Amino acid sequence: MRELFAGLDEELSGLPSHYRAPLVLCYLEARTRDEAGSFGSAPPEQSK
């Protein structure tokens, strides 16, 4: 399981933050698209 998380972390860290943040917020922290959109500068409708 550690290997899985290490690989996921490695791949996510290679993404620019404007791509990485919504993925982490929605898929790993179970936030909604609207919540994830409020963390960045893009409006929520662009996070769909």
PDB file of N, CA and C in Angstrom:
ATOM      1  N   MET A   1       0.823  -1.187   0.000  1.00  0.00           N
ATOM      2  CA  MET A   1       0.000   0.000   0.000  1.00  0.00           C
ATOM      3  C   MET A   1       0.870   1.256   0.000  1.00  0.00           C
ATOM      4  N   ARG A   2       1.973   1.213   0.728  1.00  0.00           N
ATOM      5  CA  ARG A   2       2.883   2.371   0.764  1.00  0.00           C
ATOM      6  C   ARG A   2       3.432   2.682  -0.623  1.00  0.00           C
ATOM      7  N   GLU A   3       3.704   1.630  -1.382  1.00  0.00           N
ATOM      8  CA  GLU A   3       4.228   1.825  -2.736  1.00  0.00           C
ATOM      9  C   GLU A   3       3.209   2.536  -3.612  1.00  0.00           C
ATOM     10  N   LEU A   4       1.938   2.191  -3.431  1.00  0.00           N
ATOM     11  CA  LEU A   4       0.870   2.838  -4.187  1.00  0.00           C
ATOM     12  C   LEU A   4       0.826   4.328  -3.881  1.00  0.00           C
ATOM     13  N   PHE A   5       0.832   4.670  -2.590  1.00  0.00           N
ATOM     14  CA  PHE A   5       0.786   6.075  -2.195  1.00  0.00           C
ATOM     15  C   PHE A   5       2.041   6.829  -2.608  1.00  0.00           C
ATOM     16  N   ALA A   6       3.171   6.174  -2.565  1.00  0.00           N
ATOM     17  CA  ALA A   6       4.418   6.819  -2.987  1.00  0.00           C
ATOM     18  C   ALA A   6       4.365   7.128  -4.478  1.00  0.00           C
ATOM     19  N   GLY A   7       3.860   6.187  -5.263  1.00  0.00           N
ATOM     20  CA  GLY A   7       3.734   6.412  -6.704  1.00  0.00           C
ATOM     21  C   GLY A   7       2.734   7.505  -7.024  1.00  0.00           C
ATOM     22  N   LEU A   8       1.606   7.500  -6.311  1.00  0.00           N
ATOM     23  CA  LEU A   8       0.592   8.535  -6.513  1.00  0.00           C
ATOM     24  C   LEU A   8       1.143   9.903  -6.142  1.00  0.00           C
ATOM     25  N   ASP A   9       1.825   9.982  -5.022  1.00  0.00           N
ATOM     26  CA  ASP A   9       2.422  11.244  -4.586  1.00  0.00           C
ATOM     27  C   ASP A   9       3.440  11.747  -5.604  1.00  0.00           C
ATOM     28  N   GLU A  10       4.232  10.836  -6.124  1.00  0.00           N
ATOM     29  CA  GLU A  10       5.241  11.213  -7.113  1.00  0.00           C
ATOM     30  C   GLU A  10       4.587  11.770  -8.382  1.00  0.00           C
ATOM     31  N   GLU A  11       3.552  11.112  -8.846  1.00  0.00           N
ATOM     32  CA  GLU A  11       2.870  11.573 -10.054  1.00  0.00           C
ATOM     33  C   GLU A  11       2.164  12.903  -9.829  1.00  0.00           C
ATOM     34  N   LEU A  12       1.487  13.046  -8.699  1.00  0.00           N
ATOM     35  CA  LEU A  12       0.787  14.293  -8.408  1.00  0.00           C
ATOM     36  C   LEU A  12       1.757  15.463  -8.238  1.00  0.00           C
ATOM     37  N   SER A  13       2.903  15.210  -7.647  1.00  0.00           N
ATOM     38  CA  SER A  13       3.861  16.296  -7.425  1.00  0.00           C
ATOM     39  C   SER A  13       4.443  16.814  -8.737  1.00  0.00           C
ATOM     40  N   GLY A  14       4.344  16.023  -9.793  1.00  0.00           N
ATOM     41  CA  GLY A  14       4.835  16.470 -11.093  1.00  0.00           C
ATOM     42  C   GLY A  14       3.866  17.369 -11.832  1.00  0.00           C
ATOM     43  N   LEU A  15       2.647  17.489 -11.324  1.00  0.00           N
ATOM     44  CA  LEU A  15       1.644  18.341 -11.973  1.00  0.00           C
ATOM     45  C   LEU A  15       1.744  19.782 -11.484  1.00  0.00           C
ATOM     46  N   PRO A  16       1.405  20.741 -12.332  1.00  0.00           N
ATOM     47  CA  PRO A  16       1.302  22.123 -11.857  1.00  0.00           C
ATOM     48  C   PRO A  16       0.191  22.201 -10.794  1.00  0.00           C
ATOM     49  N   SER A  17       0.320  23.119  -9.864  1.00  0.00           N
ATOM     50  CA  SER A  17      -0.613  23.184  -8.739  1.00  0.00           C
ATOM     51  C   SER A  17      -2.049  23.409  -9.175  1.00  0.00           C
ATOM     52  N   HIS A  18      -2.276  24.115 -10.297  1.00  0.00           N
ATOM     53  CA  HIS A  18      -3.658  24.349 -10.709  1.00  0.00           C
ATOM     54  C   HIS A  18      -4.327  23.071 -11.224  1.00  0.00           C
ATOM     55  N   TYR A  19      -3.569  22.045 -11.552  1.00  0.00           N
ATOM     56  CA  TYR A  19      -4.136  20.736 -11.890  1.00  0.00           C
ATOM     57  C   TYR A  19      -4.145  19.817 -10.669  1.00  0.00           C
ATOM     58  N   ARG A  20      -3.101  19.894  -9.879  1.00  0.00           N
ATOM     59  CA  ARG A  20      -2.951  19.016  -8.725  1.00  0.00           C
ATOM     60  C   ARG A  20      -3.991  19.305  -7.648  1.00  0.00           C
ATOM     61  N   ALA A  21      -4.219  20.561  -7.325  1.00  0.00           N
ATOM     62  CA  ALA A  21      -5.112  20.921  -6.221  1.00  0.00           C
ATOM     63  C   ALA A  21      -6.527  20.353  -6.385  1.00  0.00           C
ATOM     64  N   PRO A  22      -7.170  20.515  -7.544  1.00  0.00           N
ATOM     65  CA  PRO A  22      -8.521  19.948  -7.668  1.00  0.00           C
ATOM     66  C   PRO A  22      -8.543  18.419  -7.547  1.00  0.00           C
ATOM     67  N   LEU A  23      -7.534  17.753  -8.069  1.00  0.00           N
ATOM     68  CA  LEU A  23      -7.479  16.290  -7.957  1.00  0.00           C
ATOM     69  C   LEU A  23      -7.377  15.868  -6.502  1.00  0.00           C
ATOM     70  N   VAL A  24      -6.494  16.509  -5.762  1.00  0.00           N
ATOM     71  CA  VAL A  24      -6.317  16.170  -4.346  1.00  0.00           C
ATOM     72  C   VAL A  24      -7.584  16.496  -3.563  1.00  0.00           C
ATOM     73  N   LEU A  25      -8.139  17.663  -3.790  1.00  0.00           N
ATOM     74  CA  LEU A  25      -9.318  18.067  -3.036  1.00  0.00           C
ATOM     75  C   LEU A  25     -10.526  17.177  -3.327  1.00  0.00           C
ATOM     76  N   CYS A  26     -10.769  16.864  -4.592  1.00  0.00           N
ATOM     77  CA  CYS A  26     -11.958  16.082  -4.954  1.00  0.00           C
ATOM     78  C   CYS A  26     -11.791  14.597  -4.691  1.00  0.00           C
ATOM     79  N   TYR A  27     -10.665  14.035  -5.086  1.00  0.00           N
ATOM     80  CA  TYR A  27     -10.518  12.587  -5.019  1.00  0.00           C
ATOM     81  C   TYR A  27      -9.890  12.078  -3.728  1.00  0.00           C
ATOM     82  N   LEU A  28      -9.025  12.845  -3.121  1.00  0.00           N
ATOM     83  CA  LEU A  28      -8.373  12.370  -1.898  1.00  0.00           C
ATOM     84  C   LEU A  28      -9.002  12.944  -0.636  1.00  0.00           C
ATOM     85  N   GLU A  29      -9.563  14.151  -0.735  1.00  0.00           N
ATOM     86  CA  GLU A  29     -10.184  14.770   0.436  1.00  0.00           C
ATOM     87  C   GLU A  29     -11.703  14.791   0.356  1.00  0.00           C
ATOM     88  N   ALA A  30     -12.262  14.194  -0.716  1.00  0.00           N
ATOM     89  CA  ALA A  30     -13.713  14.058  -0.905  1.00  0.00           C
ATOM     90  C   ALA A  30     -14.458  15.394  -0.861  1.00  0.00           C
ATOM     91  N   ARG A  31     -13.836  16.428  -1.402  1.00  0.00           N
ATOM     92  CA  ARG A  31     -14.513  17.723  -1.501  1.00  0.00           C
ATOM     93  C   ARG A  31     -15.360  17.746  -2.766  1.00  0.00           C
ATOM     94  N   THR A  32     -16.370  18.602  -2.798  1.00  0.00           N
ATOM     95  CA  THR A  32     -17.177  18.761  -4.003  1.00  0.00           C
ATOM     96  C   THR A  32     -16.431  19.641  -4.999  1.00  0.00           C
ATOM     97  N   ARG A  33     -16.911  19.663  -6.248  1.00  0.00           N
ATOM     98  CA  ARG A  33     -16.296  20.543  -7.252  1.00  0.00           C
ATOM     99  C   ARG A  33     -16.408  22.006  -6.832  1.00  0.00           C
ATOM    100  N   ASP A  34     -17.550  22.356  -6.242  1.00  0.00           N
ATOM    101  CA  ASP A  34     -17.730  23.742  -5.792  1.00  0.00           C
ATOM    102  C   ASP A  34     -16.735  24.094  -4.696  1.00  0.00           C
ATOM    103  N   GLU A  35     -16.533  23.183  -3.755  1.00  0.00           N
ATOM    104  CA  GLU A  35     -15.560  23.433  -2.691  1.00  0.00           C
ATOM    105  C   GLU A  35     -14.151  23.529  -3.264  1.00  0.00           C
ATOM    106  N   ALA A  36     -13.810  22.623  -4.166  1.00  0.00           N
ATOM    107  CA  ALA A  36     -12.477  22.646  -4.773  1.00  0.00           C
ATOM    108  C   ALA A  36     -12.280  23.922  -5.569  1.00  0.00           C
ATOM    109  N   GLY A  37     -13.318  24.372  -6.268  1.00  0.00           N
ATOM    110  CA  GLY A  37     -13.227  25.595  -7.044  1.00  0.00           C
ATOM    111  C   GLY A  37     -13.017  26.828  -6.191  1.00  0.00           C
ATOM    112  N   SER A  38     -13.530  26.798  -4.960  1.00  0.00           N
ATOM    113  CA  SER A  38     -13.372  27.954  -4.080  1.00  0.00           C
ATOM    114  C   SER A  38     -11.947  28.090  -3.553  1.00  0.00           C
ATOM    115  N   PHE A  39     -11.143  27.025  -3.660  1.00  0.00           N
ATOM    116  CA  PHE A  39      -9.755  27.078  -3.205  1.00  0.00           C
ATOM    117  C   PHE A  39      -8.827  27.723  -4.214  1.00  0.00           C
ATOM    118  N   GLY A  40      -9.237  27.738  -5.481  1.00  0.00           N
ATOM    119  CA  GLY A  40      -8.381  28.288  -6.525  1.00  0.00           C
ATOM    120  C   GLY A  40      -8.951  29.569  -7.073  1.00  0.00           C
ATOM    121  N   SER A  41      -8.342  30.043  -8.128  1.00  0.00           N
ATOM    122  CA  SER A  41      -8.803  31.282  -8.726  1.00  0.00           C
ATOM    123  C   SER A  41      -9.866  31.045  -9.785  1.00  0.00           C
ATOM    124  N   ALA A  42     -10.057  29.802 -10.203  1.00  0.00           N
ATOM    125  CA  ALA A  42     -11.061  29.493 -11.220  1.00  0.00           C
ATOM    126  C   ALA A  42     -12.439  29.375 -10.585  1.00  0.00           C
ATOM    127  N   PRO A  43     -13.454  29.870 -11.268  1.00  0.00           N
ATOM    128  CA  PRO A  43     -14.827  29.700 -10.762  1.00  0.00           C
ATOM    129  C   PRO A  43     -15.195  28.222 -10.756  1.00  0.00           C
ATOM    130  N   PRO A  44     -16.113  27.799  -9.876  1.00  0.00           N
ATOM    131  CA  PRO A  44     -16.468  26.387  -9.767  1.00  0.00           C
ATOM    132  C   PRO A  44     -16.931  25.767 -11.075  1.00  0.00           C
ATOM    133  N   GLU A  45     -17.605  26.534 -11.936  1.00  0.00           N
ATOM    134  CA  GLU A  45     -18.087  25.953 -13.196  1.00  0.00           C
ATOM    135  C   GLU A  45     -16.948  25.531 -14.107  1.00  0.00           C
ATOM    136  N   GLN A  46     -15.739  26.070 -13.908  1.00  0.00           N
ATOM    137  CA  GLN A  46     -14.593  25.662 -14.703  1.00  0.00           C
ATOM    138  C   GLN A  46     -13.929  24.411 -14.129  1.00  0.00           C
ATOM    139  N   SER A  47     -14.346  23.966 -12.964  1.00  0.00           N
ATOM    140  CA  SER A  47     -13.768  22.788 -12.325  1.00  0.00           C
ATOM    141  C   SER A  47     -14.518  21.513 -12.684  1.00  0.00           C
ATOM    142  N   LYS A  48     -15.441  21.593 -13.653  1.00  0.00           N
ATOM    143  CA  LYS A  48     -16.251  20.427 -14.033  1.00  0.00           C
ATOM    144  C   LYS A  48     -15.532  19.573 -15.034  1.00  0.00           C
TER     145      LYS A  48
END
